[in-house]
C-alpha cells in the first residue's frame, strides 16, 4: 500500500532526528553516538570513507537494524516502536541493486507496484511513468542482463520511488558509475527534491557531496566529526588563497615581496612564476593589484581559490583523500 499517512506527518519540519545512535557488531562499534537533524525538503549528505559507519547508520534509520543505544525518528515516528509506519514513509536504494535479474525493467516495476498494493492498471501506469522519467523506456522489455551498471542503478532508484516516499535514502548511489551516468543521477536526485522529497545521500565522493548537499555530516570511525553547509565546512579550515600567474618569472621576487607587505603573509612562489598567498580579506585584492601595477609587474592570470572539501576532510581527519577513499 502506498503510505496513507504522508499527508499528516507528525513532524513535517524534521525528516530525520537521530540522537546518539550506537551499533555494535561483536566487539566492533560500527556506529558510535551519531546524532543527525535533517530538515525536510533538503539533500543531506553523509560523507566518509569505506567502513566509516555510513551504511550502518542508514540501516538503523531505515528500520533494517535496531540501534544498540540512542534513538531515531522519521517525521516524528520512532524507528523502533513505529517501524511499520516509518517503512511507509521511506524509500531505500542500497549499494547493490535489489531488482530481479530474471525480469525485464517493466516486469520489475510492475511487480514492486503490485506488492505495494496498486491495482494492475495503476501498476502498469506507474511503471510506464517511472521508466520514462528515468530514461529507460526504450530498454523497458530488455533483459536486465543487457543493462549497464548505470541503467541498473536508475531502475533500482525508480523502484524505490513507486510509493512516492517523502524521504529517500540513497546509499552511495553513484559508486562505480561512469562520469556521464553519474551526472545523470545527480540531475535525478535534484529533481526528486524539487518534487518535494527529502534525500539522505551517503557518498565517498567529496565533489558529489559538494555539488548536491545542502548540509553535510562527515563521519569517520563511526562518529560525526563535522557538520554544516559545504560553505561552512570549507570556511572551517581557513581562508581562501590568492593565486597570481606572472608574465615573467623574473619578477617573482618583487611581486612576492609586494604581496607580503600588503597582506602580511608568507607566499609560495613556483619556478614558473605562480604566486599563492593566504587571503583573509578579499577586500585587499584591489590594493594588491594596484601595488603590483605600480611596480610594473605584468600578470597573466588572477584567481581566488576557496578551500575544497578535500582540504576539509584532510584538516579534520588528518588523512589523505586518496589513502582513505580507495
Protein backbone atom coordinates (compact mmCIF):
# COMPACT_ATOMS: atom_id res chain seq x y z
CA UNK A 1 0.00 0.00 0.00
CA UNK A 2 1.25 3.49 -0.79
CA UNK A 3 1.74 5.28 2.52
CA UNK A 4 -1.59 6.65 3.77
CA UNK A 5 -0.18 8.99 6.41
CA UNK A 6 2.30 11.08 4.44
CA UNK A 7 -0.20 13.95 4.25
CA UNK A 8 -0.39 14.14 8.06
CA UNK A 9 3.22 13.69 9.14
CA UNK A 10 3.73 14.03 12.87
CA UNK A 11 6.75 16.28 12.30
CA UNK A 12 6.84 17.97 8.91
CA UNK A 13 9.91 20.13 9.64
CA UNK A 14 12.45 17.45 10.54
CA UNK A 15 12.57 14.48 8.21
CA UNK A 16 15.19 12.75 10.36
CA UNK A 17 16.02 13.21 14.02
CA UNK A 18 18.65 10.86 15.40
CA UNK A 19 20.27 11.12 18.83
CA UNK A 20 23.29 9.12 19.99
CA UNK A 21 22.89 6.14 17.67
CA UNK A 22 25.20 3.24 18.56
CA UNK A 23 25.62 -0.11 16.82
CA UNK A 24 27.94 -2.98 17.67
CA UNK A 25 28.90 -5.95 15.53
CA UNK A 26 30.51 -8.25 18.03
CA UNK A 27 33.11 -6.16 19.81
CA UNK A 28 33.38 -3.69 16.94
CA UNK A 29 31.50 -0.43 17.50
CA UNK A 30 30.49 0.41 13.92
CA UNK A 31 28.47 3.50 14.90
CA UNK A 32 29.49 5.47 17.96
CA UNK A 33 26.92 8.06 19.03
CA UNK A 34 25.75 9.53 15.71
CA UNK A 35 23.38 12.50 16.03
CA UNK A 36 21.65 13.98 12.97
CA UNK A 37 18.91 16.54 12.38
CA UNK A 38 17.75 16.70 8.77
CA UNK A 39 15.22 19.27 7.61
CA UNK A 40 12.50 18.19 5.22
CA UNK A 41 12.85 19.13 1.55
CA UNK A 42 16.66 19.10 1.53
CA UNK A 43 19.52 16.97 0.28
CA UNK A 44 21.62 15.91 3.25
CA UNK A 45 25.00 14.37 2.54
CA UNK A 46 26.73 11.85 4.79
CA UNK A 47 30.36 11.79 3.76
CA UNK A 48 33.03 9.35 4.82
CA UNK A 49 35.43 6.60 3.78
CA UNK A 50 34.67 2.90 3.49
CA UNK A 51 33.98 1.46 6.92
CA UNK A 52 33.13 4.83 8.48
CA UNK A 53 29.64 3.71 9.54
CA UNK A 54 27.55 5.35 6.82
CA UNK A 55 25.65 2.26 5.67
CA UNK A 56 25.09 1.04 9.23
CA UNK A 57 23.61 4.45 10.13
CA UNK A 58 21.29 4.29 7.10
CA UNK A 59 20.25 0.76 8.09
CA UNK A 60 19.23 1.92 11.56
CA UNK A 61 17.33 4.94 10.23
CA UNK A 62 15.50 2.78 7.68
CA UNK A 63 14.50 0.17 10.34
CA UNK A 64 16.73 -2.58 8.90
CA UNK A 65 18.88 -2.61 12.05
CA UNK A 66 17.88 -1.93 15.65
CA UNK A 67 20.18 0.55 17.47
CA UNK A 68 22.05 -0.78 20.49
CA UNK A 69 21.75 2.69 22.03
CA UNK A 70 20.23 6.03 21.13
CA UNK A 71 17.02 6.62 19.22
CA UNK A 72 15.80 8.00 15.91
CA UNK A 73 12.57 9.21 14.36
CA UNK A 74 11.40 9.81 10.79
CA UNK A 75 8.96 12.70 10.53
CA UNK A 76 8.31 12.20 14.24
CA UNK A 77 7.74 8.42 14.11
CA UNK A 78 10.10 6.27 16.18
CA UNK A 79 12.14 3.89 14.01
CA UNK A 80 11.82 1.05 16.54
CA UNK A 81 8.40 1.40 18.17
CA UNK A 82 6.69 2.64 15.00
CA UNK A 83 8.78 0.88 12.37
CA UNK A 84 5.68 -0.18 10.41
CA UNK A 85 4.78 3.48 9.89
CA UNK A 86 8.35 4.57 9.13
CA UNK A 87 8.57 1.99 6.35
CA UNK A 88 5.61 3.63 4.65
CA UNK A 89 7.41 6.97 4.61
CA UNK A 90 10.76 5.96 3.13
CA UNK A 91 12.39 4.64 0.00
CA UNK A 92 15.79 2.96 0.11
CA UNK A 93 18.31 2.43 -2.65
CA UNK A 94 21.23 0.46 -1.28
CA UNK A 95 24.71 -0.08 -2.64
CA UNK A 96 23.58 -3.15 -4.56
CA UNK A 97 20.61 -3.35 -6.92
CA UNK A 98 17.53 -5.05 -5.48
CA UNK A 99 15.90 -5.75 -8.85
CA UNK A 100 15.30 -9.26 -10.19
CA UNK A 101 17.80 -10.20 -12.90
CA UNK A 102 15.36 -12.64 -14.50
CA UNK A 103 12.72 -9.97 -15.15
CA UNK A 104 12.65 -7.03 -17.54
CA UNK A 105 12.57 -3.45 -16.29
CA UNK A 106 8.83 -3.26 -16.87
CA UNK A 107 8.21 -6.54 -15.07
CA UNK A 108 10.34 -5.45 -12.10
CA UNK A 109 8.48 -2.20 -11.61
CA UNK A 110 5.09 -3.85 -12.18
CA UNK A 111 5.91 -6.49 -9.54
CA UNK A 112 7.03 -3.92 -6.96
CA UNK A 113 3.93 -1.82 -7.66
CA UNK A 114 1.61 -4.78 -7.11
CA UNK A 115 3.43 -5.71 -3.89
CA UNK A 116 2.83 -2.15 -2.68
CA UNK A 117 -0.91 -2.54 -3.21
CA UNK A 118 -1.51 -0.88 -6.57
CA UNK A 119 -4.14 -2.34 -8.89
CA UNK A 120 -3.00 -3.86 -12.17
CA UNK A 121 -3.99 -0.72 -14.08
CA UNK A 122 -2.28 1.56 -11.55
CA UNK A 123 0.85 -0.61 -11.53
CA UNK A 124 1.05 -0.53 -15.31
CA UNK A 125 0.65 3.26 -15.40
CA UNK A 126 3.14 3.83 -12.57
CA UNK A 127 5.75 1.55 -14.19
CA UNK A 128 5.47 3.30 -17.55
CA UNK A 129 5.77 6.72 -15.95
CA UNK A 130 8.88 5.82 -13.96
CA UNK A 131 10.56 4.19 -16.95
CA UNK A 132 10.02 7.40 -18.92
CA UNK A 133 11.24 9.61 -16.08
CA UNK A 134 14.46 7.62 -15.75
CA UNK A 135 15.14 7.33 -19.48
CA UNK A 136 14.55 3.58 -19.61
CA UNK A 137 11.53 3.37 -21.91
CA UNK A 138 13.50 2.05 -24.90
CA UNK A 139 15.05 -0.66 -22.73
CA UNK A 140 11.82 -1.47 -20.86
CA UNK A 141 11.47 -5.01 -22.20
CA UNK A 142 15.16 -5.78 -22.43
CA UNK A 143 16.56 -8.45 -20.07
CA UNK A 144 18.44 -6.90 -17.15
CA UNK A 145 21.49 -8.94 -18.14
CA UNK A 146 21.81 -6.48 -21.03
CA UNK A 147 21.65 -3.43 -18.75
CA UNK A 148 24.72 -1.34 -17.93
CA UNK A 149 25.59 -0.57 -14.32
CA UNK A 150 24.15 2.91 -14.65
CA UNK A 151 20.86 1.59 -16.06
CA UNK A 152 20.52 -0.87 -13.17
CA UNK A 153 21.11 1.91 -10.64
CA UNK A 154 18.44 4.06 -12.31
CA UNK A 155 15.99 1.17 -12.32
CA UNK A 156 16.73 0.46 -8.66
CA UNK A 157 16.09 4.11 -7.81
CA UNK A 158 12.87 4.06 -9.84
CA UNK A 159 11.67 1.03 -7.86
CA UNK A 160 12.25 2.86 -4.58
CA UNK A 161 10.02 5.72 -5.77
CA UNK A 162 6.92 3.71 -6.62
CA UNK A 163 5.32 4.62 -3.29
CA UNK A 164 6.26 8.32 -3.73
CA UNK A 165 8.00 8.43 -0.33
CA UNK A 166 8.64 11.76 1.38
CA UNK A 167 12.11 10.53 2.46
CA UNK A 168 14.56 8.69 0.23
CA UNK A 169 17.77 7.05 1.43
CA UNK A 170 20.44 6.76 -1.27
CA UNK A 171 23.42 4.73 -0.10
CA UNK A 172 26.36 5.54 -2.41
CA UNK A 173 24.08 5.66 -5.49
CA UNK A 174 26.81 6.57 -7.99
CA UNK A 175 29.61 4.23 -6.90
CA UNK A 176 31.07 2.54 -9.96
CA UNK A 177 29.18 4.66 -12.50
CA UNK A 178 30.85 6.33 -15.46
CA UNK A 179 31.06 10.17 -15.34
CA UNK A 180 28.15 10.72 -17.75
CA UNK A 181 25.77 8.41 -15.89
CA UNK A 182 26.90 9.90 -12.61
CA UNK A 183 25.87 13.38 -13.79
CA UNK A 184 22.51 11.98 -14.91
CA UNK A 185 21.98 10.56 -11.43
CA UNK A 186 22.81 13.94 -9.91
CA UNK A 187 20.10 15.55 -12.06
CA UNK A 188 17.63 12.86 -10.99
CA UNK A 189 18.40 13.45 -7.32
CA UNK A 190 17.87 17.19 -7.71
CA UNK A 191 14.53 16.51 -9.43
CA UNK A 192 13.42 14.32 -6.52
CA UNK A 193 13.93 17.17 -4.07
CA UNK A 194 12.33 19.59 -6.50
CA UNK A 195 9.21 17.44 -6.44
CA UNK A 196 9.00 17.59 -2.64
CA UNK A 197 11.05 14.66 -1.35
CA UNK A 198 13.87 14.74 1.18
CA UNK A 199 17.06 12.88 0.26
CA UNK A 200 19.67 11.47 2.61
CA UNK A 201 22.69 10.66 0.48
CA UNK A 202 25.76 8.76 1.58
CA UNK A 203 28.84 9.06 -0.58
CA UNK A 204 32.59 8.57 -0.69
CA UNK A 205 32.92 11.31 -3.29
CA UNK A 206 33.79 14.76 -1.98
CA UNK A 207 32.73 16.51 -5.19
CA UNK A 208 29.36 14.73 -5.12
CA UNK A 209 28.60 15.99 -1.63
CA UNK A 210 29.76 19.47 -2.64
CA UNK A 211 27.54 19.53 -5.74
CA UNK A 212 24.36 18.09 -4.23
CA UNK A 213 24.09 18.51 -0.49
CA UNK A 214 22.52 21.44 1.36
CA UNK A 215 24.21 20.20 4.52
CA UNK A 216 26.89 17.58 5.12
CA UNK A 217 27.86 15.36 8.03
CA UNK A 218 31.38 13.97 7.88
CA UNK A 219 31.55 10.54 9.55
CA UNK A 220 34.77 8.77 10.45
CA UNK A 221 35.24 5.71 12.68
CA UNK A 222 31.52 5.70 13.48
CA UNK A 223 31.32 9.30 14.71
CA UNK A 224 30.15 12.60 13.24
CA UNK A 225 33.32 14.67 13.28
CA UNK A 226 31.98 17.72 11.42
CA UNK A 227 28.61 19.02 10.23
CA UNK A 228 27.41 22.06 8.32
CA UNK A 229 26.79 23.50 4.88
CA UNK A 230 29.55 22.97 2.30
CA UNK A 231 30.48 26.64 2.66
CA UNK A 232 30.66 26.39 6.47
CA UNK A 233 32.85 23.30 6.32
CA UNK A 234 35.20 24.95 3.85
CA UNK A 235 35.39 28.11 5.96
CA UNK A 236 36.30 26.00 8.99
CA UNK A 237 39.65 25.00 7.51
CA UNK A 238 40.88 28.52 6.88
CA UNK A 239 40.92 31.38 4.46
CA UNK A 240 40.88 31.49 0.69
CA UNK A 241 44.03 31.70 -1.41
CA UNK A 242 45.06 34.39 -3.88
CA UNK A 243 46.79 32.94 -6.94
CA UNK A 244 48.70 35.07 -9.45
CA UNK A 245 50.45 33.95 -12.63
CA UNK A 246 53.19 36.38 -13.63
CA UNK A 247 54.05 37.05 -17.26
CA UNK A 248 57.73 36.87 -16.35
CA UNK A 249 59.12 34.63 -13.61
CA UNK A 250 61.98 37.13 -13.26
CA UNK A 251 59.56 39.49 -11.49
CA UNK A 252 58.58 36.90 -8.89
CA UNK A 253 60.78 38.25 -6.10
CA UNK A 254 59.50 41.81 -6.44
CA UNK A 255 55.91 40.59 -6.69
CA UNK A 256 56.15 38.29 -3.68
CA UNK A 257 57.75 41.00 -1.53
CA UNK A 258 54.97 43.39 -2.51
CA UNK A 259 52.29 40.85 -1.58
CA UNK A 260 54.00 40.03 1.74
CA UNK A 261 54.00 43.73 2.59
CA UNK A 262 50.35 44.24 1.58
CA UNK A 263 48.84 41.11 3.12
CA UNK A 264 51.42 40.46 5.86
CA UNK A 265 51.57 36.77 4.96
CA UNK A 266 54.14 34.41 3.52
CA UNK A 267 53.81 33.48 -0.17
CA UNK A 268 54.60 30.37 -2.13
CA UNK A 269 56.39 31.06 -5.40
CA UNK A 270 56.74 28.39 -8.08
CA UNK A 271 59.62 28.31 -10.60
CA UNK A 272 57.10 29.17 -13.33
CA UNK A 273 56.18 32.45 -11.66
CA UNK A 274 52.92 31.43 -9.97
CA UNK A 275 52.41 33.02 -6.55
CA UNK A 276 49.98 31.69 -3.96
CA UNK A 277 49.17 33.60 -0.77
CA UNK A 278 46.54 33.20 2.00
CA UNK A 279 43.78 35.78 1.65
CA UNK A 280 41.82 36.55 4.83
CA UNK A 281 40.24 39.77 3.49
CA UNK A 282 39.04 39.70 -0.15
CA UNK A 283 38.70 43.49 0.01
CA UNK A 284 42.50 43.78 -0.18
CA UNK A 285 42.69 42.25 -3.68
CA UNK A 286 42.30 45.63 -5.39
CA UNK A 287 45.06 47.16 -3.26
CA UNK A 288 47.40 44.27 -4.11
CA UNK A 289 46.75 44.58 -7.84
CA UNK A 290 47.31 48.34 -7.78
CA UNK A 291 50.58 47.87 -5.89
CA UNK A 292 51.78 45.30 -8.43
CA UNK A 293 50.85 47.62 -11.27
CA UNK A 294 52.83 50.47 -9.67
CA UNK A 295 55.84 48.12 -9.70
CA UNK A 296 55.21 47.42 -13.41
CA UNK A 297 54.55 43.75 -12.79
CA UNK A 298 52.55 42.11 -15.58
CA UNK A 299 50.01 39.41 -14.74
CA UNK A 300 48.64 36.66 -16.97
CA UNK A 301 46.06 35.35 -14.52
CA UNK A 302 44.44 36.27 -11.21
CA UNK A 303 42.15 33.99 -9.21
CA UNK A 304 40.84 33.48 -5.68
CA UNK A 305 40.57 29.84 -4.68
CA UNK A 306 38.22 28.76 -1.90
CA UNK A 307 39.07 25.75 0.26
CA UNK A 308 37.77 22.43 -1.09
CA UNK A 309 36.01 19.59 0.70
CA UNK A 310 39.18 17.58 0.09
CA UNK A 311 41.03 20.07 2.27
CA UNK A 312 38.21 19.97 4.83
CA UNK A 313 38.46 16.19 5.10
CA UNK A 314 42.23 16.23 5.41
CA UNK A 315 42.10 19.01 8.00
CA UNK A 316 39.54 17.35 10.28
CA UNK A 317 40.70 13.75 9.94
CA UNK A 318 44.40 14.13 9.21
CA UNK A 319 44.00 11.63 6.36
CA UNK A 320 44.78 11.99 2.69
CA UNK A 321 41.76 11.51 0.46
CA UNK A 322 43.49 9.07 -1.88
CA UNK A 323 44.54 6.86 1.04
CA UNK A 324 41.09 6.72 2.61
CA UNK A 325 38.83 6.65 -0.39
CA UNK A 326 40.28 3.63 -2.14
